[in-house]
Amino acid sequence: MDRAPISARRTVRRARRGGLTRFLSAAAAAVLGATALVALGGGTAGAADANLVQNPGFESGLSGWTCSAASGAAVASPARSGSSALKATPAGQDNARCAQTVGVKPDSSYTLSAWVQGSYVYLGASGTGTTDVSTWTPSATGWQQLTTSFRTGPNTTSVTVYTHGWYGQPAYYADDISLTGPGGSTPGDPVPTAPTGLRTGAVTSSSVALSWTAVSGATGYNVYRDGTKVQAVGGTSATVTGLAASTSYQFQVTATNAAGESPRSAAVTGTTSAGSGGDGGTVPKHAVTGYWQNFNNGATVQKISDVQDQYDIIAVAFADATGTPGAVTFNLDSAGLGGYTVDQFKADIRAKQAAGKSVIISIGGQNGTVSVNDSASAANFADSVYALMRQYGFDGVDIDLENGLNATYMTQALRSLSAKAGSKLVITMAPQTIDMQSTSNAYFQTALNIKDILTVVNMQYYNSGSMLGCDGKVYSQGSVDFLTALACIQLEGGLSPSQVGLGLPASTRGAGSGYVSPTVVNNALDCLARGTGCGSFKPAKTYPGLRGAMTWSTNWDALAGNAWSSAVGPKVHGLP
């Protein structure tokens, strides 16, 4: 969402990124494992530091490297130096990840680099004990160097360095991978044995506590939920969060050190307790969300009182960043809105609430450069949003940060806000399609982390390139299949159906691409909730509890004669 016409933002993105990535914001790059170059305090690796990566140029084939789904091979051409390089080919839902675990020292600085060639090639390090980092290139027709840096945590003795490509893209190449910094344990250290004694502890509606017996020689442990790694910890206990209420999960753990990862432990089953999401029952079972523009960009200028009755949640767009990290404020554009006064604005919010509507403040959009990257900024965020709620009467907050978010600290911020505001707090999110392709992405992680207080995720099914559906097939925007197959990822990835909504532009002028007629939106809603109206993709089951739909914006809807809300509103409110 954007203060300027979205078509203008699309032009900027094209110029900035080119190709498919014209639709990817910096937030999308972050959730794909692609962050900007980061220098994390402390000293830097000195010139005398050796390369800690084994077989960095793949002269010994794949020795020391593990590639997912047998996707990698050492090839003679193209090679940047020496006689070989890595060639790795994504296929289906595999992104051709090739990785190596390297021994490091705690509280030390490291620089990671590699030469790569291809489209959407990523380089990163995980298990750092601080902030895992990565970087990427959308297109390298010749050899291009990627570089990033990090500092290890106080207990970190090994990290995993990796490269990967992206779904539906051709093979990529990598050569001369380097990690410089103080060396850790020798490669001859034995891989630890599998942990024993795994057991469940306290459970809530969204979490399960685990503990296990320590393994000799282990420096860390990985926790797996239903076969997928969800945590890396230094001790012998962990709490897995972001789970669905009244749901059983299978858990396993492995032990790690610089030499590698152990086999998985025997599995145990943990079942969460009953519970529900956020909003304290203030939002209808099936709801329509609309963004209200606090600016004039050619759409119909509205007061809050003018917002169409079909909208159950009205997201005021947008709050503004302040000079204090994480803090936001709100400035009503009285002049741009025809003399709309703050007192009128507050009175209109109260009137909408009296009519059963929720009015929330949206954080983000084009000017939403709000960064919540540490505990201090998380506290500033929660304090400032709560202050706006008290000042204007907002019911909650919408997260529409298109320049990336930190799952750890945004979770902390929203939980702090929930503690202040209480159970009736409304929390919505509006990630881009790329942000919700995997539960490992920061937006998806945040949504799962706050599942017990989250109202709805209204993903933006527009200004997007082609994306994977939950069946592993690639779908292009503008169709019923694009809506249903991508919603399926969220529905099967841990969110409750009541926490999933379909976000679409209200008119062709509301977005640079991705507009579909209200009929297509309604068919997608029927497909997901009833199993009817589907395209070629049909979900394996129905989700009658689906929350509803969202649009950008109530203003563009008004300019188009309320065509969107008049058609989609009754459909949402008539869902089973």
Protein backbone atom coordinates (compact mmCIF):
# COMPACT_ATOMS: atom_id res chain seq x y z
CA MET A 1 0.00 0.00 0.00
CA ASP A 2 1.20 3.42 -0.86
CA ARG A 3 0.74 7.13 -0.25
CA ALA A 4 1.52 7.82 -3.90
CA PRO A 5 -0.48 6.11 -6.66
CA ILE A 6 0.51 2.45 -6.55
CA SER A 7 1.27 2.54 -10.29
CA ALA A 8 4.02 5.05 -9.52
CA ARG A 9 5.46 2.78 -6.84
CA ARG A 10 5.45 -0.07 -9.32
CA THR A 11 7.51 2.02 -11.74
CA VAL A 12 10.03 2.72 -8.99
CA ARG A 13 10.29 -0.96 -8.14
CA ARG A 14 10.84 -1.85 -11.80
CA ALA A 15 13.61 0.69 -12.12
CA ARG A 16 15.18 -0.43 -8.85
CA ARG A 17 15.10 -4.16 -9.30
CA GLY A 18 14.12 -5.22 -12.82
CA GLY A 19 12.62 -8.54 -13.89
CA LEU A 20 10.48 -10.47 -11.46
CA THR A 21 11.92 -8.57 -8.54
CA ARG A 22 10.20 -5.36 -9.61
CA PHE A 23 7.45 -6.70 -7.39
CA LEU A 24 9.67 -7.63 -4.45
CA SER A 25 10.14 -5.12 -1.68
CA ALA A 26 13.11 -5.16 0.66
CA ALA A 27 10.80 -7.03 3.04
CA ALA A 28 10.40 -9.80 0.48
CA ALA A 29 14.15 -10.09 0.08
CA ALA A 30 14.47 -10.41 3.85
CA VAL A 31 11.99 -13.25 4.16
CA LEU A 32 13.60 -15.11 1.33
CA GLY A 33 16.80 -15.09 3.40
CA ALA A 34 18.17 -12.02 1.60
CA THR A 35 19.21 -9.14 3.80
CA ALA A 36 21.26 -6.11 3.07
CA LEU A 37 24.96 -6.16 3.86
CA VAL A 38 25.26 -6.11 7.64
CA ALA A 39 28.24 -5.21 9.81
CA LEU A 40 27.56 -6.38 13.33
CA GLY A 41 29.84 -4.61 15.76
CA GLY A 42 33.16 -5.72 17.17
CA GLY A 43 36.35 -6.25 15.26
CA THR A 44 36.53 -7.49 11.70
CA ALA A 45 38.36 -10.50 10.39
CA GLY A 46 42.01 -9.70 9.95
CA ALA A 47 44.06 -10.19 6.82
CA ALA A 48 45.77 -13.20 8.41
CA ASP A 49 42.53 -15.08 9.01
CA ALA A 50 42.33 -18.26 6.96
CA ASN A 51 39.37 -19.42 4.94
CA LEU A 52 37.47 -21.78 7.26
CA VAL A 53 35.40 -23.37 4.48
CA GLN A 54 36.48 -26.83 3.41
CA ASN A 55 36.68 -27.43 -0.34
CA PRO A 56 35.70 -23.82 -1.09
CA GLY A 57 36.24 -24.14 -4.85
CA PHE A 58 34.67 -27.61 -5.26
CA GLU A 59 37.96 -28.97 -6.57
CA SER A 60 37.18 -32.14 -4.59
CA GLY A 61 33.65 -32.50 -5.90
CA LEU A 62 31.05 -31.98 -3.18
CA SER A 63 33.33 -33.10 -0.35
CA GLY A 64 32.34 -31.19 2.80
CA TRP A 65 29.09 -29.97 1.25
CA THR A 66 25.54 -31.28 1.48
CA CYS A 67 23.06 -30.30 -1.23
CA SER A 68 19.31 -30.72 -0.81
CA ALA A 69 17.48 -33.26 -2.98
CA ALA A 70 20.71 -34.22 -4.78
CA SER A 71 20.54 -30.83 -6.50
CA GLY A 72 24.29 -30.08 -6.60
CA ALA A 73 27.23 -31.22 -8.68
CA ALA A 74 30.81 -30.10 -9.30
CA VAL A 75 31.27 -29.00 -12.91
CA ALA A 76 34.30 -27.94 -14.93
CA SER A 77 32.59 -24.99 -16.63
CA PRO A 78 31.96 -22.26 -15.82
CA ALA A 79 34.62 -22.13 -13.10
CA ARG A 80 35.82 -18.81 -11.75
CA SER A 81 39.13 -20.26 -10.57
CA GLY A 82 40.65 -23.70 -10.46
CA SER A 83 39.09 -26.56 -12.35
CA SER A 84 35.60 -26.76 -10.81
CA ALA A 85 32.60 -24.88 -9.50
CA LEU A 86 29.26 -25.78 -7.96
CA LYS A 87 26.22 -26.18 -10.19
CA ALA A 88 22.93 -26.53 -8.28
CA THR A 89 19.51 -26.86 -9.88
CA PRO A 90 16.22 -25.94 -8.13
CA ALA A 91 13.31 -28.28 -8.83
CA GLY A 92 9.71 -28.19 -7.60
CA GLN A 93 9.69 -27.06 -3.98
CA ASP A 94 13.46 -27.54 -3.59
CA ASN A 95 15.60 -24.40 -3.89
CA ALA A 96 18.91 -26.29 -4.36
CA ARG A 97 20.45 -25.43 -0.98
CA CYS A 98 24.09 -26.49 -0.57
CA ALA A 99 25.51 -26.11 2.93
CA GLN A 100 28.53 -26.78 5.13
CA THR A 101 28.89 -26.56 8.91
CA VAL A 102 32.03 -24.70 9.96
CA GLY A 103 33.70 -24.45 13.36
CA VAL A 104 33.89 -20.88 14.76
CA LYS A 105 34.64 -19.13 18.03
CA PRO A 106 32.09 -17.38 20.25
CA ASP A 107 31.87 -13.56 20.29
CA SER A 108 33.86 -13.22 17.09
CA SER A 109 33.39 -11.40 13.79
CA TYR A 110 33.28 -13.17 10.44
CA THR A 111 33.04 -12.23 6.78
CA LEU A 112 31.30 -14.58 4.34
CA SER A 113 31.70 -14.23 0.59
CA ALA A 114 31.22 -16.23 -2.60
CA TRP A 115 31.31 -15.75 -6.33
CA VAL A 116 28.02 -16.69 -7.96
CA GLN A 117 26.39 -16.76 -11.36
CA GLY A 118 22.69 -17.09 -12.23
CA SER A 119 19.27 -15.70 -11.31
CA TYR A 120 18.15 -15.31 -7.67
CA VAL A 121 21.28 -16.74 -6.04
CA TYR A 122 21.58 -16.51 -2.26
CA LEU A 123 24.49 -16.72 0.18
CA GLY A 124 23.99 -16.89 3.93
CA ALA A 125 24.95 -18.16 7.36
CA SER A 126 22.65 -19.68 9.98
CA GLY A 127 23.13 -20.70 13.59
CA THR A 128 25.21 -17.61 14.33
CA GLY A 129 23.76 -17.18 17.80
CA THR A 130 22.98 -13.53 16.99
CA THR A 131 21.28 -12.51 13.75
CA ASP A 132 21.48 -14.98 10.89
CA VAL A 133 22.44 -13.15 7.71
CA SER A 134 22.23 -13.61 3.97
CA THR A 135 22.50 -11.65 0.76
CA TRP A 136 21.48 -12.26 -2.84
CA THR A 137 21.56 -11.18 -6.43
CA PRO A 138 18.51 -11.16 -8.72
CA SER A 139 20.65 -11.65 -11.82
CA ALA A 140 24.33 -12.34 -12.40
CA THR A 141 25.09 -13.14 -16.04
CA GLY A 142 28.80 -13.37 -15.17
CA TRP A 143 30.64 -14.07 -11.94
CA GLN A 144 29.48 -11.69 -9.20
CA GLN A 145 30.75 -11.57 -5.63
CA LEU A 146 28.27 -11.67 -2.74
CA THR A 147 29.48 -10.64 0.70
CA THR A 148 27.93 -10.39 4.14
CA SER A 149 29.20 -10.43 7.72
CA PHE A 150 28.09 -11.41 11.20
CA ARG A 151 29.20 -11.80 14.80
CA THR A 152 28.79 -15.06 16.67
CA GLY A 153 26.92 -15.34 19.96
CA PRO A 154 28.52 -16.03 23.34
CA ASN A 155 27.94 -19.80 23.05
CA THR A 156 28.29 -20.30 19.30
CA THR A 157 30.99 -22.75 18.17
CA SER A 158 29.70 -23.61 14.70
CA VAL A 159 27.69 -21.99 11.94
CA THR A 160 26.23 -23.29 8.71
CA VAL A 161 27.14 -21.46 5.51
CA TYR A 162 24.97 -22.05 2.47
CA THR A 163 23.98 -21.07 -1.04
CA HIS A 164 20.63 -21.63 -2.69
CA GLY A 165 18.62 -20.62 -5.73
CA TRP A 166 14.89 -20.01 -6.07
CA TYR A 167 11.87 -22.01 -7.13
CA GLY A 168 11.20 -22.28 -10.85
CA GLN A 169 14.57 -20.73 -11.75
CA PRO A 170 17.42 -22.32 -13.76
CA ALA A 171 20.57 -23.76 -12.25
CA TYR A 172 22.96 -21.41 -10.48
CA TYR A 173 26.73 -21.61 -10.05
CA ALA A 174 28.98 -20.82 -7.07
CA ASP A 175 32.74 -20.85 -6.59
CA ASP A 176 35.43 -19.68 -4.18
CA ILE A 177 33.23 -19.60 -1.08
CA SER A 178 35.05 -18.02 1.85
CA LEU A 179 34.44 -17.59 5.58
CA THR A 180 37.19 -15.62 7.28
CA GLY A 181 37.59 -15.10 10.99
CA PRO A 182 38.95 -16.98 14.02
CA GLY A 183 38.86 -20.74 13.52
CA GLY A 184 36.92 -23.02 15.86
CA SER A 185 36.98 -26.77 16.53
CA THR A 186 38.92 -28.95 14.16
CA PRO A 187 37.04 -30.86 11.47
CA GLY A 188 38.10 -34.08 13.14
CA ASP A 189 35.75 -33.62 16.10
CA PRO A 190 33.15 -36.42 16.07
CA VAL A 191 29.54 -35.78 15.14
CA PRO A 192 27.46 -36.11 18.34
CA THR A 193 25.03 -38.95 18.94
CA ALA A 194 21.26 -38.52 18.82
CA PRO A 195 19.66 -37.03 21.94
CA THR A 196 17.61 -39.24 24.23
CA GLY A 197 14.93 -38.60 26.81
CA LEU A 198 12.90 -36.16 24.71
CA ARG A 199 9.68 -35.28 26.55
CA THR A 200 6.96 -32.65 26.50
CA GLY A 201 6.24 -30.21 29.30
CA ALA A 202 3.82 -27.34 29.71
CA VAL A 203 1.47 -26.64 26.82
CA THR A 204 -0.72 -23.67 25.87
CA SER A 205 -3.07 -23.09 22.96
CA SER A 206 -0.08 -22.04 20.84
CA SER A 207 3.03 -23.62 22.38
CA VAL A 208 4.61 -26.86 23.62
CA ALA A 209 7.60 -27.02 25.97
CA LEU A 210 10.25 -29.69 25.32
CA SER A 211 13.28 -31.01 27.20
CA TRP A 212 15.84 -33.78 26.64
CA THR A 213 19.06 -35.30 27.98
CA ALA A 214 22.37 -33.58 27.22
CA VAL A 215 24.65 -35.17 24.62
CA SER A 216 28.40 -35.36 25.19
CA GLY A 217 30.34 -33.18 22.75
CA ALA A 218 27.27 -31.27 21.55
CA THR A 219 27.47 -27.50 21.32
CA GLY A 220 23.85 -26.97 20.32
CA TYR A 221 20.58 -28.63 19.42
CA ASN A 222 18.06 -28.37 16.58
CA VAL A 223 14.34 -28.81 17.22
CA TYR A 224 12.10 -30.31 14.53
CA ARG A 225 8.31 -30.03 14.32
CA ASP A 226 6.62 -32.52 11.99
CA GLY A 227 9.93 -33.03 10.21
CA THR A 228 10.78 -29.34 9.75
CA LYS A 229 13.51 -27.56 11.72
CA VAL A 230 11.93 -24.77 13.76
CA GLN A 231 14.55 -23.83 16.37
CA ALA A 232 18.24 -23.99 17.20
CA VAL A 233 19.11 -23.74 20.92
CA GLY A 234 22.18 -24.00 23.08
CA GLY A 235 20.62 -25.85 26.03
CA THR A 236 18.53 -28.96 26.59
CA SER A 237 15.10 -27.37 26.53
CA ALA A 238 12.99 -25.31 24.15
CA THR A 239 9.46 -24.00 23.77
CA VAL A 240 7.98 -24.28 20.29
CA THR A 241 5.51 -21.45 19.68
CA GLY A 242 3.15 -20.37 16.91
CA LEU A 243 1.12 -23.59 17.04
CA ALA A 244 -2.56 -24.13 16.33
CA ALA A 245 -4.95 -24.72 19.23
CA SER A 246 -6.17 -28.27 19.94
CA THR A 247 -3.67 -29.72 17.48
CA SER A 248 -1.16 -32.59 17.81
CA TYR A 249 2.43 -32.18 16.61
CA GLN A 250 5.37 -34.56 16.39
CA PHE A 251 8.71 -33.31 17.74
CA GLN A 252 12.31 -34.50 17.39
CA VAL A 253 15.69 -33.00 18.29
CA THR A 254 19.25 -33.39 17.01
CA ALA A 255 22.61 -32.52 18.57
CA THR A 256 25.16 -30.39 16.70
CA ASN A 257 28.81 -29.37 16.86
CA ALA A 258 31.40 -28.14 14.38
CA ALA A 259 31.62 -31.60 12.81
CA GLY A 260 27.95 -31.79 11.94
CA GLU A 261 24.48 -32.80 13.09
CA SER A 262 23.45 -36.02 14.78
CA PRO A 263 20.61 -38.31 13.69
CA ARG A 264 17.21 -37.26 15.00
CA SER A 265 15.92 -38.43 18.35
CA ALA A 266 12.90 -40.63 18.82
CA ALA A 267 9.75 -38.62 18.21
CA VAL A 268 7.30 -37.46 20.86
CA THR A 269 3.82 -36.04 20.34
CA GLY A 270 2.60 -32.84 21.96
CA THR A 271 -0.96 -31.54 21.78
CA THR A 272 -1.86 -27.88 22.32
CA SER A 273 -4.78 -26.79 24.46
CA ALA A 274 -7.95 -25.15 23.16
CA GLY A 275 -7.78 -21.45 22.43
CA SER A 276 -8.65 -18.71 19.98
CA GLY A 277 -7.01 -15.82 18.16
CA GLY A 278 -7.10 -12.16 19.04
CA ASP A 279 -9.76 -9.41 19.00
CA GLY A 280 -11.78 -10.66 21.99
CA GLY A 281 -14.82 -11.33 19.80
CA THR A 282 -15.07 -7.74 18.57
CA VAL A 283 -14.58 -8.69 14.89
CA PRO A 284 -17.28 -10.71 13.09
CA LYS A 285 -16.62 -14.35 12.26
CA HIS A 286 -16.38 -13.33 8.59
CA ALA A 287 -15.05 -9.84 8.06
CA VAL A 288 -14.14 -7.38 5.30
CA THR A 289 -11.11 -5.15 5.83
CA GLY A 290 -10.63 -1.89 3.94
CA TYR A 291 -7.78 0.61 4.03
CA TRP A 292 -8.80 4.26 4.41
CA GLN A 293 -6.42 6.76 2.87
CA ASN A 294 -5.23 9.64 5.01
CA PHE A 295 -4.10 11.43 1.84
CA ASN A 296 -5.40 12.37 -1.60
CA ASN A 297 -3.83 10.49 -4.51
CA GLY A 298 -6.67 10.71 -7.00
CA ALA A 299 -9.07 8.34 -5.29
CA THR A 300 -12.28 9.60 -3.70
CA VAL A 301 -11.53 11.64 -0.59
CA GLN A 302 -13.46 10.22 2.36
CA LYS A 303 -14.05 10.90 6.00
CA ILE A 304 -14.21 7.86 8.27
CA SER A 305 -17.97 8.41 8.36
CA ASP A 306 -18.06 7.95 4.57
CA VAL A 307 -16.53 4.46 4.65
CA GLN A 308 -18.95 1.94 3.18
CA ASP A 309 -20.98 -0.16 5.63
CA GLN A 310 -19.67 -3.45 4.22
CA TYR A 311 -16.28 -2.86 5.87
CA ASP A 312 -15.91 -4.43 9.31
CA ILE A 313 -12.29 -3.43 9.91
CA ILE A 314 -11.13 0.00 8.76
CA ALA A 315 -7.34 0.37 8.62
CA VAL A 316 -6.26 4.00 8.75
CA ALA A 317 -3.30 4.39 6.41
CA PHE A 318 -0.76 5.26 7.64
CA ALA A 319 1.10 6.04 10.85
CA ASP A 320 4.36 7.94 10.43
CA ALA A 321 7.82 7.08 11.72
CA THR A 322 9.45 9.40 14.24
CA GLY A 323 13.06 10.13 15.09
CA THR A 324 12.91 7.53 17.86
CA PRO A 325 13.68 3.98 16.64
CA GLY A 326 10.50 1.90 16.49
CA ALA A 327 8.19 4.73 17.54
CA VAL A 328 5.31 5.96 15.37
CA THR A 329 2.89 8.86 15.36
CA PHE A 330 -0.19 9.84 13.36
CA ASN A 331 -0.87 13.13 11.61
CA LEU A 332 -4.31 13.65 10.12
CA ASP A 333 -4.00 15.26 6.66
CA SER A 334 -6.72 17.81 7.39
CA ALA A 335 -5.85 20.04 4.44
CA GLY A 336 -5.66 17.20 1.93
CA LEU A 337 -8.96 15.79 3.19
CA GLY A 338 -10.94 18.99 2.73
CA GLY A 339 -10.62 20.42 6.22
CA TYR A 340 -11.32 17.20 8.12
CA THR A 341 -10.65 18.06 11.77
CA VAL A 342 -9.14 15.83 14.41
CA ASP A 343 -12.27 16.16 16.55
CA GLN A 344 -14.46 15.05 13.62
CA PHE A 345 -12.06 12.17 12.95
CA LYS A 346 -12.27 10.95 16.55
CA ALA A 347 -16.06 11.30 16.60
CA ASP A 348 -16.35 9.33 13.36
CA ILE A 349 -14.22 6.53 14.81
CA ARG A 350 -16.52 6.34 17.83
CA ALA A 351 -19.58 6.23 15.58
CA LYS A 352 -18.13 3.38 13.51
CA GLN A 353 -17.33 1.46 16.68
CA ALA A 354 -20.87 1.99 17.92
CA ALA A 355 -22.03 0.41 14.64
CA GLY A 356 -19.92 -2.69 15.36
CA LYS A 357 -16.88 -1.77 13.28
CA SER A 358 -13.20 -1.80 14.29
CA VAL A 359 -10.89 1.07 13.35
CA ILE A 360 -7.17 0.38 13.53
CA ILE A 361 -3.97 2.25 12.69
CA SER A 362 -1.83 0.81 9.89
CA ILE A 363 1.96 0.87 10.20
CA GLY A 364 3.78 0.81 6.89
CA GLY A 365 3.09 1.65 3.28
CA GLN A 366 5.50 3.57 1.09
CA ASN A 367 6.62 5.92 3.86
CA GLY A 368 6.49 3.32 6.60
CA THR A 369 10.18 3.03 7.30
CA VAL A 370 9.64 1.78 10.82
CA SER A 371 12.40 -0.50 12.14
CA VAL A 372 11.87 -2.75 15.14
CA ASN A 373 15.20 -4.52 15.44
CA ASP A 374 15.97 -4.65 19.15
CA SER A 375 14.25 -4.65 22.53
CA ALA A 376 14.39 -0.87 22.87
CA SER A 377 12.69 -0.22 19.51
CA ALA A 378 10.15 -2.95 20.27
CA ALA A 379 9.24 -1.15 23.50
CA ASN A 380 9.05 2.17 21.63
CA PHE A 381 6.74 0.63 19.05
CA ALA A 382 4.36 -0.82 21.63
CA ASP A 383 4.33 2.35 23.73
CA SER A 384 3.70 4.67 20.77
CA VAL A 385 0.98 2.52 19.19
CA TYR A 386 -0.79 2.22 22.53
CA ALA A 387 -0.55 5.99 22.94
CA LEU A 388 -2.25 6.43 19.54
CA MET A 389 -4.96 3.98 20.54
CA ARG A 390 -5.73 6.05 23.61
CA GLN A 391 -5.47 9.36 21.77
CA TYR A 392 -7.69 8.53 18.80
CA GLY A 393 -9.63 5.52 20.01
CA PHE A 394 -8.11 2.99 17.61
CA ASP A 395 -8.99 -0.65 18.28
CA GLY A 396 -5.63 -2.03 17.27
CA VAL A 397 -2.85 -2.08 14.72
CA ASP A 398 -2.16 -3.30 11.20
CA ILE A 399 1.36 -4.35 10.17
CA ASP A 400 2.04 -3.42 6.53
CA LEU A 401 5.82 -3.00 6.63
CA GLU A 402 7.08 -3.44 3.09
CA ASN A 403 10.74 -2.91 3.92
CA GLY A 404 11.29 -5.94 6.11
CA LEU A 405 10.65 -6.90 9.71
CA ASN A 406 12.47 -8.78 12.42
CA ALA A 407 10.28 -11.64 13.63
CA THR A 408 11.85 -11.78 17.08
CA TYR A 409 11.41 -8.13 17.96
CA MET A 410 8.12 -7.52 16.13
CA THR A 411 6.74 -10.46 18.11
CA GLN A 412 8.07 -8.85 21.28
CA ALA A 413 6.53 -5.50 20.32
CA LEU A 414 3.08 -6.92 19.57
CA ARG A 415 3.00 -9.02 22.72
CA SER A 416 3.92 -5.95 24.74
CA LEU A 417 1.13 -4.02 23.02
CA SER A 418 -1.30 -6.85 23.77
CA ALA A 419 -0.37 -6.75 27.44
CA LYS A 420 -1.18 -3.04 27.50
CA ALA A 421 -4.37 -3.10 25.39
CA GLY A 422 -6.01 -6.32 26.58
CA SER A 423 -7.90 -9.12 24.90
CA LYS A 424 -9.98 -6.90 22.60
CA LEU A 425 -6.89 -5.75 20.69
CA VAL A 426 -7.23 -6.19 16.92
CA ILE A 427 -4.00 -7.14 15.11
CA THR A 428 -3.98 -7.50 11.35
CA MET A 429 -1.12 -8.01 8.91
CA ALA A 430 -0.80 -7.32 5.17
CA PRO A 431 2.29 -9.13 3.89
CA GLN A 432 3.18 -9.43 0.22
CA THR A 433 2.87 -12.81 -1.48
CA ILE A 434 6.59 -13.48 -1.23
CA ASP A 435 6.42 -12.93 2.53
CA MET A 436 4.14 -15.93 3.06
CA GLN A 437 5.70 -18.56 0.79
CA SER A 438 7.27 -20.39 3.71
CA THR A 439 6.92 -20.59 7.48
CA SER A 440 10.62 -19.70 7.66
CA ASN A 441 9.91 -16.20 6.30
CA ALA A 442 9.90 -13.42 8.87
CA TYR A 443 6.29 -12.32 8.28
CA PHE A 444 5.02 -15.89 8.51
CA GLN A 445 7.12 -16.50 11.64
CA THR A 446 5.70 -13.38 13.25
CA ALA A 447 2.14 -14.42 12.45
CA LEU A 448 2.70 -17.85 13.97
CA ASN A 449 4.51 -16.39 16.98
CA ILE A 450 1.48 -14.26 17.87
CA LYS A 451 -1.20 -16.68 16.74
CA ASP A 452 -3.01 -16.52 20.06
CA ILE A 453 -3.50 -12.74 19.73
CA LEU A 454 -3.59 -12.38 15.92
CA THR A 455 -6.87 -11.40 14.24
CA VAL A 456 -6.19 -11.87 10.52
CA VAL A 457 -3.47 -11.93 7.87
CA ASN A 458 -4.74 -10.25 4.69
CA MET A 459 -1.98 -11.10 2.22
CA GLN A 460 -1.70 -8.76 -0.79
CA TYR A 461 -2.41 -10.87 -3.89
CA TYR A 462 -1.26 -8.07 -6.19
CA ASN A 463 1.88 -6.30 -7.40
CA SER A 464 3.34 -9.80 -7.38
CA GLY A 465 5.17 -12.10 -9.72
CA SER A 466 4.35 -15.77 -10.14
CA MET A 467 4.45 -17.72 -6.89
CA LEU A 468 4.32 -21.29 -5.66
CA GLY A 469 1.05 -22.73 -4.43
CA CYS A 470 0.81 -25.30 -1.66
CA ASP A 471 0.86 -28.05 -4.30
CA GLY A 472 4.34 -27.04 -5.48
CA LYS A 473 3.07 -25.64 -8.78
CA VAL A 474 3.75 -22.10 -9.97
CA TYR A 475 0.72 -19.81 -10.37
CA SER A 476 0.45 -16.36 -11.93
CA GLN A 477 -1.54 -13.56 -10.33
CA GLY A 478 -4.94 -12.68 -11.71
CA SER A 479 -6.71 -16.03 -11.35
CA VAL A 480 -8.78 -17.99 -8.88
CA ASP A 481 -5.94 -20.53 -8.63
CA PHE A 482 -3.46 -17.83 -7.59
CA LEU A 483 -5.71 -16.86 -4.68
CA THR A 484 -6.64 -20.34 -3.52
CA ALA A 485 -3.30 -22.14 -3.98
CA LEU A 486 -1.39 -19.41 -2.13
CA ALA A 487 -3.99 -19.12 0.65
CA CYS A 488 -3.59 -22.86 1.11
CA ILE A 489 0.04 -22.31 2.21
CA GLN A 490 -1.14 -20.20 5.13
CA LEU A 491 -4.06 -22.47 5.95
CA GLU A 492 -1.86 -25.56 6.01
CA GLY A 493 1.17 -23.75 7.48
CA GLY A 494 -0.27 -23.19 10.95
CA LEU A 495 -2.70 -20.27 10.75
CA SER A 496 -6.31 -20.81 11.72
CA PRO A 497 -8.81 -20.28 8.85
CA SER A 498 -10.21 -17.39 10.91
CA GLN A 499 -6.80 -15.73 10.54
CA VAL A 500 -6.65 -15.84 6.74
CA GLY A 501 -8.10 -13.23 4.40
CA LEU A 502 -7.71 -12.47 0.69
CA GLY A 503 -6.31 -9.02 -0.09
CA LEU A 504 -7.15 -7.54 -3.51
CA PRO A 505 -7.23 -4.05 -5.07
CA ALA A 506 -10.66 -2.43 -5.33
CA SER A 507 -10.09 -1.29 -8.91
CA THR A 508 -7.52 -1.33 -11.69
CA ARG A 509 -6.22 2.00 -10.39
CA GLY A 510 -5.68 0.60 -6.90
CA ALA A 511 -2.59 -1.42 -7.85
CA GLY A 512 0.00 -1.72 -10.55
CA SER A 513 -1.03 -5.30 -11.31
CA GLY A 514 -3.13 -8.11 -9.90
CA TYR A 515 -6.62 -6.61 -10.06
CA VAL A 516 -9.31 -9.24 -10.54
CA SER A 517 -13.04 -8.74 -10.78
CA PRO A 518 -15.11 -9.20 -7.62
CA THR A 519 -16.47 -12.37 -9.25
CA VAL A 520 -13.00 -13.95 -9.14
CA VAL A 521 -12.62 -12.96 -5.47
CA ASN A 522 -16.00 -14.49 -4.67
CA ASN A 523 -15.17 -17.69 -6.55
CA ALA A 524 -11.96 -18.01 -4.52
CA LEU A 525 -13.88 -17.49 -1.27
CA ASP A 526 -16.37 -20.17 -2.29
CA CYS A 527 -13.57 -22.53 -3.32
CA LEU A 528 -11.81 -22.24 0.02
CA ALA A 529 -14.91 -22.23 2.23
CA ARG A 530 -17.24 -24.51 0.28
CA GLY A 531 -15.20 -26.36 -2.34
CA THR A 532 -17.13 -24.76 -5.21
CA GLY A 533 -16.07 -22.21 -7.84
CA CYS A 534 -12.50 -23.52 -7.96
CA GLY A 535 -10.20 -23.36 -10.95
CA SER A 536 -7.66 -26.08 -11.74
CA PHE A 537 -6.48 -26.09 -8.12
CA LYS A 538 -8.90 -27.50 -5.58
CA PRO A 539 -7.87 -27.69 -1.91
CA ALA A 540 -7.86 -31.12 -0.31
CA LYS A 541 -10.37 -29.84 2.25
CA THR A 542 -12.57 -26.81 2.83
CA TYR A 543 -12.07 -24.00 5.32
CA PRO A 544 -15.54 -22.69 6.27
CA GLY A 545 -14.01 -20.60 9.05
CA LEU A 546 -12.11 -18.42 6.54
CA ARG A 547 -12.11 -14.86 7.90
CA GLY A 548 -12.85 -12.99 4.66
CA ALA A 549 -11.25 -10.43 2.36
CA MET A 550 -9.43 -7.10 2.29
CA THR A 551 -9.08 -4.33 -0.26
CA TRP A 552 -6.88 -1.38 -1.04
CA SER A 553 -8.72 0.87 -0.60
CA THR A 554 -12.14 2.12 0.53
CA ASN A 555 -11.31 5.28 -1.44
CA TRP A 556 -10.59 3.48 -4.71
CA ASP A 557 -13.71 1.40 -4.09
CA ALA A 558 -15.76 4.58 -3.77
CA LEU A 559 -14.29 6.00 -6.99
CA ALA A 560 -15.37 2.80 -8.79
CA GLY A 561 -18.93 3.12 -7.53
CA ASN A 562 -18.44 0.72 -4.59
CA ALA A 563 -18.36 -2.19 -7.03
CA TRP A 564 -15.91 -4.17 -4.93
CA SER A 565 -17.55 -3.88 -1.51
CA SER A 566 -21.06 -4.25 -2.95
CA ALA A 567 -20.14 -7.63 -4.43
CA VAL A 568 -17.49 -9.04 -2.06
CA GLY A 569 -19.02 -7.75 1.19
CA PRO A 570 -22.23 -9.83 0.97
CA LYS A 571 -20.24 -12.87 -0.15
CA VAL A 572 -17.92 -12.66 2.87
CA HIS A 573 -20.78 -12.06 5.29
CA GLY A 574 -22.65 -15.01 3.80
CA LEU A 575 -19.84 -17.54 4.22
CA PRO A 576 -20.77 -20.58 6.32
